[in-house]
Amino acid sequence: MRQEPTFAERVMWDRLRNRKLAGLKFRRQVPIGPYIADFLCKEAKLIVEFDGPNHDEAYDLTRDGWLRAQGYRVLRFANNDLGNRMGWVLETIRATAER
């Protein structure tokens, strides 16, 4: 995935990289235990995920439960949220990270 990110991941990485969002340091495609997070802000223990139309919700529930048990907060957005509600997505990420 690092070599071929989805369109949503490319767009979001442009908004998150180099501390562009509220000075928060994000990394992309980060291994955490048996999983890989789309985006991770380690200081805030925040994982941000973007889901396409063919996503396995049962798998996500198991995965998110494991990540939460490790102390992470997980935000999930649909890929089309970036086109329709980019400001809301960024504000939700910022507000969650600051809590």
PDB file of N, CA and C in Angstrom:
ATOM      1  N   MET A   1       0.815  -1.203   0.000  1.00  0.00           N
ATOM      2  CA  MET A   1       0.000   0.000   0.000  1.00  0.00           C
ATOM      3  C   MET A   1       0.856   1.264   0.000  1.00  0.00           C
ATOM      4  N   ARG A   2       2.044   1.226   0.576  1.00  0.00           N
ATOM      5  CA  ARG A   2       2.873   2.430   0.552  1.00  0.00           C
ATOM      6  C   ARG A   2       3.197   2.833  -0.878  1.00  0.00           C
ATOM      7  N   GLN A   3       3.385   1.833  -1.737  1.00  0.00           N
ATOM      8  CA  GLN A   3       3.739   2.127  -3.128  1.00  0.00           C
ATOM      9  C   GLN A   3       2.524   2.567  -3.928  1.00  0.00           C
ATOM     10  N   GLU A   4       1.349   2.042  -3.596  1.00  0.00           N
ATOM     11  CA  GLU A   4       0.129   2.338  -4.344  1.00  0.00           C
ATOM     12  C   GLU A   4      -1.015   2.751  -3.414  1.00  0.00           C
ATOM     13  N   PRO A   5      -0.926   3.917  -2.804  1.00  0.00           N
ATOM     14  CA  PRO A   5      -2.024   4.334  -1.920  1.00  0.00           C
ATOM     15  C   PRO A   5      -3.285   4.625  -2.731  1.00  0.00           C
ATOM     16  N   THR A   6      -4.436   4.508  -2.083  1.00  0.00           N
ATOM     17  CA  THR A   6      -5.681   4.850  -2.744  1.00  0.00           C
ATOM     18  C   THR A   6      -5.738   6.367  -2.947  1.00  0.00           C
ATOM     19  N   PHE A   7      -6.661   6.799  -3.768  1.00  0.00           N
ATOM     20  CA  PHE A   7      -6.834   8.231  -4.000  1.00  0.00           C
ATOM     21  C   PHE A   7      -7.103   8.950  -2.674  1.00  0.00           C
ATOM     22  N   ALA A   8      -7.994   8.370  -1.854  1.00  0.00           N
ATOM     23  CA  ALA A   8      -8.325   8.989  -0.564  1.00  0.00           C
ATOM     24  C   ALA A   8      -7.088   9.098   0.314  1.00  0.00           C
ATOM     25  N   GLU A   9      -6.255   8.063   0.332  1.00  0.00           N
ATOM     26  CA  GLU A   9      -5.041   8.100   1.149  1.00  0.00           C
ATOM     27  C   GLU A   9      -4.058   9.149   0.640  1.00  0.00           C
ATOM     28  N   ARG A  10      -3.948   9.305  -0.664  1.00  0.00           N
ATOM     29  CA  ARG A  10      -3.049  10.336  -1.209  1.00  0.00           C
ATOM     30  C   ARG A  10      -3.534  11.728  -0.816  1.00  0.00           C
ATOM     31  N   VAL A  11      -4.836  11.956  -0.948  1.00  0.00           N
ATOM     32  CA  VAL A  11      -5.401  13.263  -0.604  1.00  0.00           C
ATOM     33  C   VAL A  11      -5.209  13.544   0.879  1.00  0.00           C
ATOM     34  N   MET A  12      -5.521  12.557   1.724  1.00  0.00           N
ATOM     35  CA  MET A  12      -5.398  12.776   3.162  1.00  0.00           C
ATOM     36  C   MET A  12      -3.944  12.951   3.565  1.00  0.00           C
ATOM     37  N   TRP A  13      -3.038  12.186   2.977  1.00  0.00           N
ATOM     38  CA  TRP A  13      -1.625  12.317   3.330  1.00  0.00           C
ATOM     39  C   TRP A  13      -1.131  13.725   3.017  1.00  0.00           C
ATOM     40  N   ASP A  14      -1.626  14.309   1.939  1.00  0.00           N
ATOM     41  CA  ASP A  14      -1.241  15.679   1.610  1.00  0.00           C
ATOM     42  C   ASP A  14      -1.691  16.649   2.691  1.00  0.00           C
ATOM     43  N   ARG A  15      -2.814  16.358   3.365  1.00  0.00           N
ATOM     44  CA  ARG A  15      -3.334  17.242   4.415  1.00  0.00           C
ATOM     45  C   ARG A  15      -2.685  16.993   5.777  1.00  0.00           C
ATOM     46  N   LEU A  16      -2.169  15.773   5.990  1.00  0.00           N
ATOM     47  CA  LEU A  16      -1.645  15.414   7.308  1.00  0.00           C
ATOM     48  C   LEU A  16      -0.127  15.500   7.418  1.00  0.00           C
ATOM     49  N   ARG A  17       0.584  15.313   6.321  1.00  0.00           N
ATOM     50  CA  ARG A  17       2.045  15.214   6.389  1.00  0.00           C
ATOM     51  C   ARG A  17       2.685  16.533   6.815  1.00  0.00           C
ATOM     52  N   ASN A  18       3.877  16.411   7.347  1.00  0.00           N
ATOM     53  CA  ASN A  18       4.668  17.573   7.771  1.00  0.00           C
ATOM     54  C   ASN A  18       3.941  18.455   8.785  1.00  0.00           C
ATOM     55  N   ARG A  19       3.177  17.819   9.655  1.00  0.00           N
ATOM     56  CA  ARG A  19       2.477  18.520  10.746  1.00  0.00           C
ATOM     57  C   ARG A  19       1.531  19.620  10.251  1.00  0.00           C
ATOM     58  N   LYS A  20       0.929  19.419   9.083  1.00  0.00           N
ATOM     59  CA  LYS A  20       0.033  20.437   8.527  1.00  0.00           C
ATOM     60  C   LYS A  20      -1.263  20.593   9.308  1.00  0.00           C
ATOM     61  N   LEU A  21      -1.697  19.536   9.983  1.00  0.00           N
ATOM     62  CA  LEU A  21      -2.947  19.613  10.730  1.00  0.00           C
ATOM     63  C   LEU A  21      -2.633  19.849  12.201  1.00  0.00           C
ATOM     64  N   ALA A  22      -2.806  21.067  12.645  1.00  0.00           N
ATOM     65  CA  ALA A  22      -2.674  21.448  14.057  1.00  0.00           C
ATOM     66  C   ALA A  22      -1.336  21.031  14.670  1.00  0.00           C
ATOM     67  N   GLY A  23      -0.308  20.918  13.842  1.00  0.00           N
ATOM     68  CA  GLY A  23       1.008  20.555  14.352  1.00  0.00           C
ATOM     69  C   GLY A  23       1.149  19.092  14.754  1.00  0.00           C
ATOM     70  N   LEU A  24       0.170  18.269  14.404  1.00  0.00           N
ATOM     71  CA  LEU A  24       0.187  16.851  14.777  1.00  0.00           C
ATOM     72  C   LEU A  24       1.076  16.062  13.830  1.00  0.00           C
ATOM     73  N   LYS A  25       1.882  15.167  14.373  1.00  0.00           N
ATOM     74  CA  LYS A  25       2.787  14.333  13.576  1.00  0.00           C
ATOM     75  C   LYS A  25       2.074  13.030  13.225  1.00  0.00           C
ATOM     76  N   PHE A  26       1.811  12.838  11.941  1.00  0.00           N
ATOM     77  CA  PHE A  26       1.196  11.602  11.459  1.00  0.00           C
ATOM     78  C   PHE A  26       2.193  10.815  10.629  1.00  0.00           C
ATOM     79  N   ARG A  27       2.065   9.504  10.691  1.00  0.00           N
ATOM     80  CA  ARG A  27       2.794   8.584   9.819  1.00  0.00           C
ATOM     81  C   ARG A  27       1.747   7.788   9.055  1.00  0.00           C
ATOM     82  N   ARG A  28       2.116   7.267   7.898  1.00  0.00           N
ATOM     83  CA  ARG A  28       1.148   6.484   7.128  1.00  0.00           C
ATOM     84  C   ARG A  28       1.603   5.044   6.993  1.00  0.00           C
ATOM     85  N   GLN A  29       0.617   4.151   6.831  1.00  0.00           N
ATOM     86  CA  GLN A  29       0.856   2.720   6.669  1.00  0.00           C
ATOM     87  C   GLN A  29       1.782   2.177   7.750  1.00  0.00           C
ATOM     88  N   VAL A  30       1.345   2.324   8.997  1.00  0.00           N
ATOM     89  CA  VAL A  30       2.154   1.960  10.159  1.00  0.00           C
ATOM     90  C   VAL A  30       1.732   0.591  10.692  1.00  0.00           C
ATOM     91  N   PRO A  31       2.678  -0.354  10.784  1.00  0.00           N
ATOM     92  CA  PRO A  31       2.346  -1.645  11.395  1.00  0.00           C
ATOM     93  C   PRO A  31       2.127  -1.492  12.906  1.00  0.00           C
ATOM     94  N   ILE A  32       1.024  -2.057  13.388  1.00  0.00           N
ATOM     95  CA  ILE A  32       0.722  -2.085  14.814  1.00  0.00           C
ATOM     96  C   ILE A  32       0.238  -3.504  15.113  1.00  0.00           C
ATOM     97  N   GLY A  33       1.067  -4.262  15.769  1.00  0.00           N
ATOM     98  CA  GLY A  33       0.736  -5.663  16.011  1.00  0.00           C
ATOM     99  C   GLY A  33       0.498  -6.361  14.679  1.00  0.00           C
ATOM    100  N   PRO A  34      -0.601  -7.089  14.551  1.00  0.00           N
ATOM    101  CA  PRO A  34      -0.872  -7.808  13.307  1.00  0.00           C
ATOM    102  C   PRO A  34      -1.549  -6.948  12.230  1.00  0.00           C
ATOM    103  N   TYR A  35      -1.708  -5.665  12.483  1.00  0.00           N
ATOM    104  CA  TYR A  35      -2.466  -4.781  11.586  1.00  0.00           C
ATOM    105  C   TYR A  35      -1.591  -3.660  11.040  1.00  0.00           C
ATOM    106  N   ILE A  36      -2.117  -2.988  10.013  1.00  0.00           N
ATOM    107  CA  ILE A  36      -1.447  -1.808   9.459  1.00  0.00           C
ATOM    108  C   ILE A  36      -2.453  -0.666   9.477  1.00  0.00           C
ATOM    109  N   ALA A  37      -2.084   0.413  10.149  1.00  0.00           N
ATOM    110  CA  ALA A  37      -2.948   1.594  10.239  1.00  0.00           C
ATOM    111  C   ALA A  37      -2.716   2.484   9.024  1.00  0.00           C
ATOM    112  N   ASP A  38      -3.792   3.015   8.450  1.00  0.00           N
ATOM    113  CA  ASP A  38      -3.639   3.958   7.337  1.00  0.00           C
ATOM    114  C   ASP A  38      -2.802   5.147   7.796  1.00  0.00           C
ATOM    115  N   PHE A  39      -3.213   5.768   8.916  1.00  0.00           N
ATOM    116  CA  PHE A  39      -2.499   6.928   9.466  1.00  0.00           C
ATOM    117  C   PHE A  39      -2.461   6.801  10.981  1.00  0.00           C
ATOM    118  N   LEU A  40      -1.322   7.157  11.572  1.00  0.00           N
ATOM    119  CA  LEU A  40      -1.154   7.085  13.015  1.00  0.00           C
ATOM    120  C   LEU A  40      -0.536   8.368  13.525  1.00  0.00           C
ATOM    121  N   CYS A  41      -1.160   8.936  14.547  1.00  0.00           N
ATOM    122  CA  CYS A  41      -0.564  10.018  15.319  1.00  0.00           C
ATOM    123  C   CYS A  41      -0.204   9.389  16.659  1.00  0.00           C
ATOM    124  N   LYS A  42       1.067   9.066  16.820  1.00  0.00           N
ATOM    125  CA  LYS A  42       1.519   8.329  18.001  1.00  0.00           C
ATOM    126  C   LYS A  42       1.318   9.125  19.285  1.00  0.00           C
ATOM    127  N   GLU A  43       1.604  10.426  19.259  1.00  0.00           N
ATOM    128  CA  GLU A  43       1.461  11.246  20.466  1.00  0.00           C
ATOM    129  C   GLU A  43       0.030  11.237  20.990  1.00  0.00           C
ATOM    130  N   ALA A  44      -0.942  11.254  20.087  1.00  0.00           N
ATOM    131  CA  ALA A  44      -2.353  11.272  20.477  1.00  0.00           C
ATOM    132  C   ALA A  44      -2.943   9.868  20.554  1.00  0.00           C
ATOM    133  N   LYS A  45      -2.140   8.841  20.209  1.00  0.00           N
ATOM    134  CA  LYS A  45      -2.616   7.451  20.160  1.00  0.00           C
ATOM    135  C   LYS A  45      -3.885   7.367  19.312  1.00  0.00           C
ATOM    136  N   LEU A  46      -3.828   8.027  18.149  1.00  0.00           N
ATOM    137  CA  LEU A  46      -4.970   8.121  17.250  1.00  0.00           C
ATOM    138  C   LEU A  46      -4.659   7.459  15.919  1.00  0.00           C
ATOM    139  N   ILE A  47      -5.553   6.583  15.492  1.00  0.00           N
ATOM    140  CA  ILE A  47      -5.464   5.928  14.190  1.00  0.00           C
ATOM    141  C   ILE A  47      -6.605   6.446  13.335  1.00  0.00           C
ATOM    142  N   VAL A  48      -6.305   6.805  12.092  1.00  0.00           N
ATOM    143  CA  VAL A  48      -7.311   7.278  11.146  1.00  0.00           C
ATOM    144  C   VAL A  48      -7.342   6.305   9.978  1.00  0.00           C
ATOM    145  N   GLU A  49      -8.535   5.798   9.677  1.00  0.00           N
ATOM    146  CA  GLU A  49      -8.733   4.818   8.609  1.00  0.00           C
ATOM    147  C   GLU A  49      -9.711   5.354   7.581  1.00  0.00           C
ATOM    148  N   PHE A  50      -9.464   5.004   6.322  1.00  0.00           N
ATOM    149  CA  PHE A  50     -10.374   5.334   5.229  1.00  0.00           C
ATOM    150  C   PHE A  50     -10.818   4.049   4.566  1.00  0.00           C
ATOM    151  N   ASP A  51     -12.135   3.904   4.431  1.00  0.00           N
ATOM    152  CA  ASP A  51     -12.719   2.669   3.928  1.00  0.00           C
ATOM    153  C   ASP A  51     -13.378   2.883   2.578  1.00  0.00           C
ATOM    154  N   GLY A  52     -13.078   1.967   1.670  1.00  0.00           N
ATOM    155  CA  GLY A  52     -13.716   1.963   0.364  1.00  0.00           C
ATOM    156  C   GLY A  52     -15.044   1.225   0.412  1.00  0.00           C
ATOM    157  N   PRO A  53     -15.702   1.083  -0.736  1.00  0.00           N
ATOM    158  CA  PRO A  53     -17.029   0.469  -0.770  1.00  0.00           C
ATOM    159  C   PRO A  53     -17.019  -1.028  -0.451  1.00  0.00           C
ATOM    160  N   ASN A  54     -15.927  -1.722  -0.665  1.00  0.00           N
ATOM    161  CA  ASN A  54     -15.856  -3.167  -0.434  1.00  0.00           C
ATOM    162  C   ASN A  54     -15.080  -3.462   0.839  1.00  0.00           C
ATOM    163  N   HIS A  55     -15.580  -2.959   1.961  1.00  0.00           N
ATOM    164  CA  HIS A  55     -14.864  -3.118   3.220  1.00  0.00           C
ATOM    165  C   HIS A  55     -15.567  -4.153   4.082  1.00  0.00           C
ATOM    166  N   ASP A  56     -14.796  -4.942   4.813  1.00  0.00           N
ATOM    167  CA  ASP A  56     -15.310  -6.015   5.664  1.00  0.00           C
ATOM    168  C   ASP A  56     -15.561  -5.473   7.079  1.00  0.00           C
ATOM    169  N   GLU A  57     -16.823  -5.197   7.376  1.00  0.00           N
ATOM    170  CA  GLU A  57     -17.157  -4.579   8.665  1.00  0.00           C
ATOM    171  C   GLU A  57     -16.882  -5.504   9.844  1.00  0.00           C
ATOM    172  N   ALA A  58     -17.088  -6.805   9.690  1.00  0.00           N
ATOM    173  CA  ALA A  58     -16.820  -7.745  10.783  1.00  0.00           C
ATOM    174  C   ALA A  58     -15.326  -7.750  11.114  1.00  0.00           C
ATOM    175  N   TYR A  59     -14.486  -7.741  10.089  1.00  0.00           N
ATOM    176  CA  TYR A  59     -13.042  -7.684  10.289  1.00  0.00           C
ATOM    177  C   TYR A  59     -12.661  -6.388  11.006  1.00  0.00           C
ATOM    178  N   ASP A  60     -13.271  -5.275  10.570  1.00  0.00           N
ATOM    179  CA  ASP A  60     -12.976  -3.979  11.190  1.00  0.00           C
ATOM    180  C   ASP A  60     -13.336  -3.962  12.673  1.00  0.00           C
ATOM    181  N   LEU A  61     -14.443  -4.584  13.040  1.00  0.00           N
ATOM    182  CA  LEU A  61     -14.840  -4.632  14.450  1.00  0.00           C
ATOM    183  C   LEU A  61     -13.793  -5.363  15.287  1.00  0.00           C
ATOM    184  N   THR A  62     -13.320  -6.494  14.778  1.00  0.00           N
ATOM    185  CA  THR A  62     -12.284  -7.256  15.482  1.00  0.00           C
ATOM    186  C   THR A  62     -11.003  -6.449  15.576  1.00  0.00           C
ATOM    187  N   ARG A  63     -10.604  -5.879  14.458  1.00  0.00           N
ATOM    188  CA  ARG A  63      -9.369  -5.086  14.374  1.00  0.00           C
ATOM    189  C   ARG A  63      -9.426  -3.873  15.298  1.00  0.00           C
ATOM    190  N   ASP A  64     -10.524  -3.119  15.204  1.00  0.00           N
ATOM    191  CA  ASP A  64     -10.660  -1.921  16.032  1.00  0.00           C
ATOM    192  C   ASP A  64     -10.694  -2.273  17.512  1.00  0.00           C
ATOM    193  N   GLY A  65     -11.332  -3.380  17.854  1.00  0.00           N
ATOM    194  CA  GLY A  65     -11.361  -3.823  19.251  1.00  0.00           C
ATOM    195  C   GLY A  65      -9.959  -4.112  19.767  1.00  0.00           C
ATOM    196  N   TRP A  66      -9.159  -4.777  18.946  1.00  0.00           N
ATOM    197  CA  TRP A  66      -7.778  -5.084  19.341  1.00  0.00           C
ATOM    198  C   TRP A  66      -6.974  -3.802  19.501  1.00  0.00           C
ATOM    199  N   LEU A  67      -7.117  -2.886  18.550  1.00  0.00           N
ATOM    200  CA  LEU A  67      -6.379  -1.623  18.612  1.00  0.00           C
ATOM    201  C   LEU A  67      -6.787  -0.801  19.833  1.00  0.00           C
ATOM    202  N   ARG A  68      -8.076  -0.775  20.135  1.00  0.00           N
ATOM    203  CA  ARG A  68      -8.544  -0.040  21.323  1.00  0.00           C
ATOM    204  C   ARG A  68      -8.004  -0.674  22.604  1.00  0.00           C
ATOM    205  N   ALA A  69      -7.919  -1.997  22.620  1.00  0.00           N
ATOM    206  CA  ALA A  69      -7.357  -2.687  23.785  1.00  0.00           C
ATOM    207  C   ALA A  69      -5.888  -2.321  23.996  1.00  0.00           C
ATOM    208  N   GLN A  70      -5.221  -1.888  22.932  1.00  0.00           N
ATOM    209  CA  GLN A  70      -3.827  -1.450  23.030  1.00  0.00           C
ATOM    210  C   GLN A  70      -3.725   0.034  23.392  1.00  0.00           C
ATOM    211  N   GLY A  71      -4.882   0.687  23.568  1.00  0.00           N
ATOM    212  CA  GLY A  71      -4.889   2.089  23.991  1.00  0.00           C
ATOM    213  C   GLY A  71      -5.066   3.101  22.874  1.00  0.00           C
ATOM    214  N   TYR A  72      -5.350   2.645  21.660  1.00  0.00           N
ATOM    215  CA  TYR A  72      -5.529   3.561  20.530  1.00  0.00           C
ATOM    216  C   TYR A  72      -6.990   3.953  20.368  1.00  0.00           C
ATOM    217  N   ARG A  73      -7.189   5.155  19.882  1.00  0.00           N
ATOM    218  CA  ARG A  73      -8.514   5.589  19.428  1.00  0.00           C
ATOM    219  C   ARG A  73      -8.526   5.410  17.919  1.00  0.00           C
ATOM    220  N   VAL A  74      -9.646   4.961  17.374  1.00  0.00           N
ATOM    221  CA  VAL A  74      -9.730   4.698  15.937  1.00  0.00           C
ATOM    222  C   VAL A  74     -10.863   5.524  15.342  1.00  0.00           C
ATOM    223  N   LEU A  75     -10.523   6.315  14.339  1.00  0.00           N
ATOM    224  CA  LEU A  75     -11.528   7.052  13.562  1.00  0.00           C
ATOM    225  C   LEU A  75     -11.625   6.405  12.192  1.00  0.00           C
ATOM    226  N   ARG A  76     -12.849   6.167  11.739  1.00  0.00           N
ATOM    227  CA  ARG A  76     -13.076   5.602  10.406  1.00  0.00           C
ATOM    228  C   ARG A  76     -13.920   6.558   9.583  1.00  0.00           C
ATOM    229  N   PHE A  77     -13.489   6.734   8.345  1.00  0.00           N
ATOM    230  CA  PHE A  77     -14.227   7.563   7.404  1.00  0.00           C
ATOM    231  C   PHE A  77     -14.399   6.787   6.107  1.00  0.00           C
ATOM    232  N   ALA A  78     -15.461   7.084   5.396  1.00  0.00           N
ATOM    233  CA  ALA A  78     -15.638   6.538   4.051  1.00  0.00           C
ATOM    234  C   ALA A  78     -14.769   7.355   3.100  1.00  0.00           C
ATOM    235  N   ASN A  79     -14.235   6.700   2.092  1.00  0.00           N
ATOM    236  CA  ASN A  79     -13.399   7.411   1.115  1.00  0.00           C
ATOM    237  C   ASN A  79     -14.109   8.630   0.541  1.00  0.00           C
ATOM    238  N   ASN A  80     -15.414   8.506   0.276  1.00  0.00           N
ATOM    239  CA  ASN A  80     -16.114   9.639  -0.349  1.00  0.00           C
ATOM    240  C   ASN A  80     -16.330  10.817   0.602  1.00  0.00           C
ATOM    241  N   ASP A  81     -16.068  10.632   1.903  1.00  0.00           N
ATOM    242  CA  ASP A  81     -16.126  11.771   2.836  1.00  0.00           C
ATOM    243  C   ASP A  81     -15.093  12.833   2.472  1.00  0.00           C
ATOM    244  N   LEU A  82     -13.995  12.419   1.864  1.00  0.00           N
ATOM    245  CA  LEU A  82     -12.953  13.393   1.513  1.00  0.00           C
ATOM    246  C   LEU A  82     -13.436  14.358   0.449  1.00  0.00           C
ATOM    247  N   GLY A  83     -14.193  13.869  -0.498  1.00  0.00           N
ATOM    248  CA  GLY A  83     -14.697  14.743  -1.550  1.00  0.00           C
ATOM    249  C   GLY A  83     -15.875  15.576  -1.095  1.00  0.00           C
ATOM    250  N   ASN A  84     -16.710  14.993  -0.245  1.00  0.00           N
ATOM    251  CA  ASN A  84     -17.952  15.650   0.154  1.00  0.00           C
ATOM    252  C   ASN A  84     -17.839  16.488   1.419  1.00  0.00           C
ATOM    253  N   ARG A  85     -16.942  16.064   2.342  1.00  0.00           N
ATOM    254  CA  ARG A  85     -16.906  16.714   3.651  1.00  0.00           C
ATOM    255  C   ARG A  85     -15.486  16.820   4.198  1.00  0.00           C
ATOM    256  N   MET A  86     -14.560  17.251   3.387  1.00  0.00           N
ATOM    257  CA  MET A  86     -13.152  17.326   3.781  1.00  0.00           C
ATOM    258  C   MET A  86     -12.965  18.147   5.050  1.00  0.00           C
ATOM    259  N   GLY A  87     -13.591  19.294   5.151  1.00  0.00           N
ATOM    260  CA  GLY A  87     -13.443  20.142   6.333  1.00  0.00           C
ATOM    261  C   GLY A  87     -13.899  19.425   7.593  1.00  0.00           C
ATOM    262  N   TRP A  88     -15.016  18.732   7.507  1.00  0.00           N
ATOM    263  CA  TRP A  88     -15.533  17.976   8.646  1.00  0.00           C
ATOM    264  C   TRP A  88     -14.569  16.867   9.048  1.00  0.00           C
ATOM    265  N   VAL A  89     -14.007  16.143   8.064  1.00  0.00           N
ATOM    266  CA  VAL A  89     -13.051  15.068   8.349  1.00  0.00           C
ATOM    267  C   VAL A  89     -11.845  15.635   9.098  1.00  0.00           C
ATOM    268  N   LEU A  90     -11.270  16.704   8.576  1.00  0.00           N
ATOM    269  CA  LEU A  90     -10.082  17.293   9.204  1.00  0.00           C
ATOM    270  C   LEU A  90     -10.384  17.823  10.603  1.00  0.00           C
ATOM    271  N   GLU A  91     -11.517  18.460  10.779  1.00  0.00           N
ATOM    272  CA  GLU A  91     -11.893  18.990  12.088  1.00  0.00           C
ATOM    273  C   GLU A  91     -12.135  17.853  13.085  1.00  0.00           C
ATOM    274  N   THR A  92     -12.751  16.769  12.632  1.00  0.00           N
ATOM    275  CA  THR A  92     -12.983  15.612  13.499  1.00  0.00           C
ATOM    276  C   THR A  92     -11.657  15.006  13.949  1.00  0.00           C
ATOM    277  N   ILE A  93     -10.712  14.888  13.037  1.00  0.00           N
ATOM    278  CA  ILE A  93      -9.380  14.355  13.376  1.00  0.00           C
ATOM    279  C   ILE A  93      -8.693  15.271  14.392  1.00  0.00           C
ATOM    280  N   ARG A  94      -8.699  16.570  14.107  1.00  0.00           N
ATOM    281  CA  ARG A  94      -8.043  17.521  14.994  1.00  0.00           C
ATOM    282  C   ARG A  94      -8.662  17.500  16.393  1.00  0.00           C
ATOM    283  N   ALA A  95      -9.982  17.568  16.456  1.00  0.00           N
ATOM    284  CA  ALA A  95     -10.663  17.600  17.740  1.00  0.00           C
ATOM    285  C   ALA A  95     -10.436  16.321  18.540  1.00  0.00           C
ATOM    286  N   THR A  96     -10.460  15.192  17.870  1.00  0.00           N
ATOM    287  CA  THR A  96     -10.228  13.919  18.555  1.00  0.00           C
ATOM    288  C   THR A  96      -8.809  13.837  19.075  1.00  0.00           C
ATOM    289  N   ALA A  97      -7.851  14.280  18.281  1.00  0.00           N
ATOM    290  CA  ALA A  97      -6.436  14.227  18.694  1.00  0.00           C
ATOM    291  C   ALA A  97      -6.181  15.123  19.894  1.00  0.00           C
ATOM    292  N   GLU A  98      -6.885  16.229  19.979  1.00  0.00           N
ATOM    293  CA  GLU A  98      -6.666  17.175  21.077  1.00  0.00           C
ATOM    294  C   GLU A  98      -7.325  16.765  22.369  1.00  0.00           C
ATOM    295  N   ARG A  99      -8.229  15.781  22.331  1.00  0.00           N
ATOM    296  CA  ARG A  99      -8.873  15.290  23.559  1.00  0.00           C
ATOM    297  C   ARG A  99      -7.960  14.439  24.357  1.00  0.00           C
TER     298      ARG A  99
END
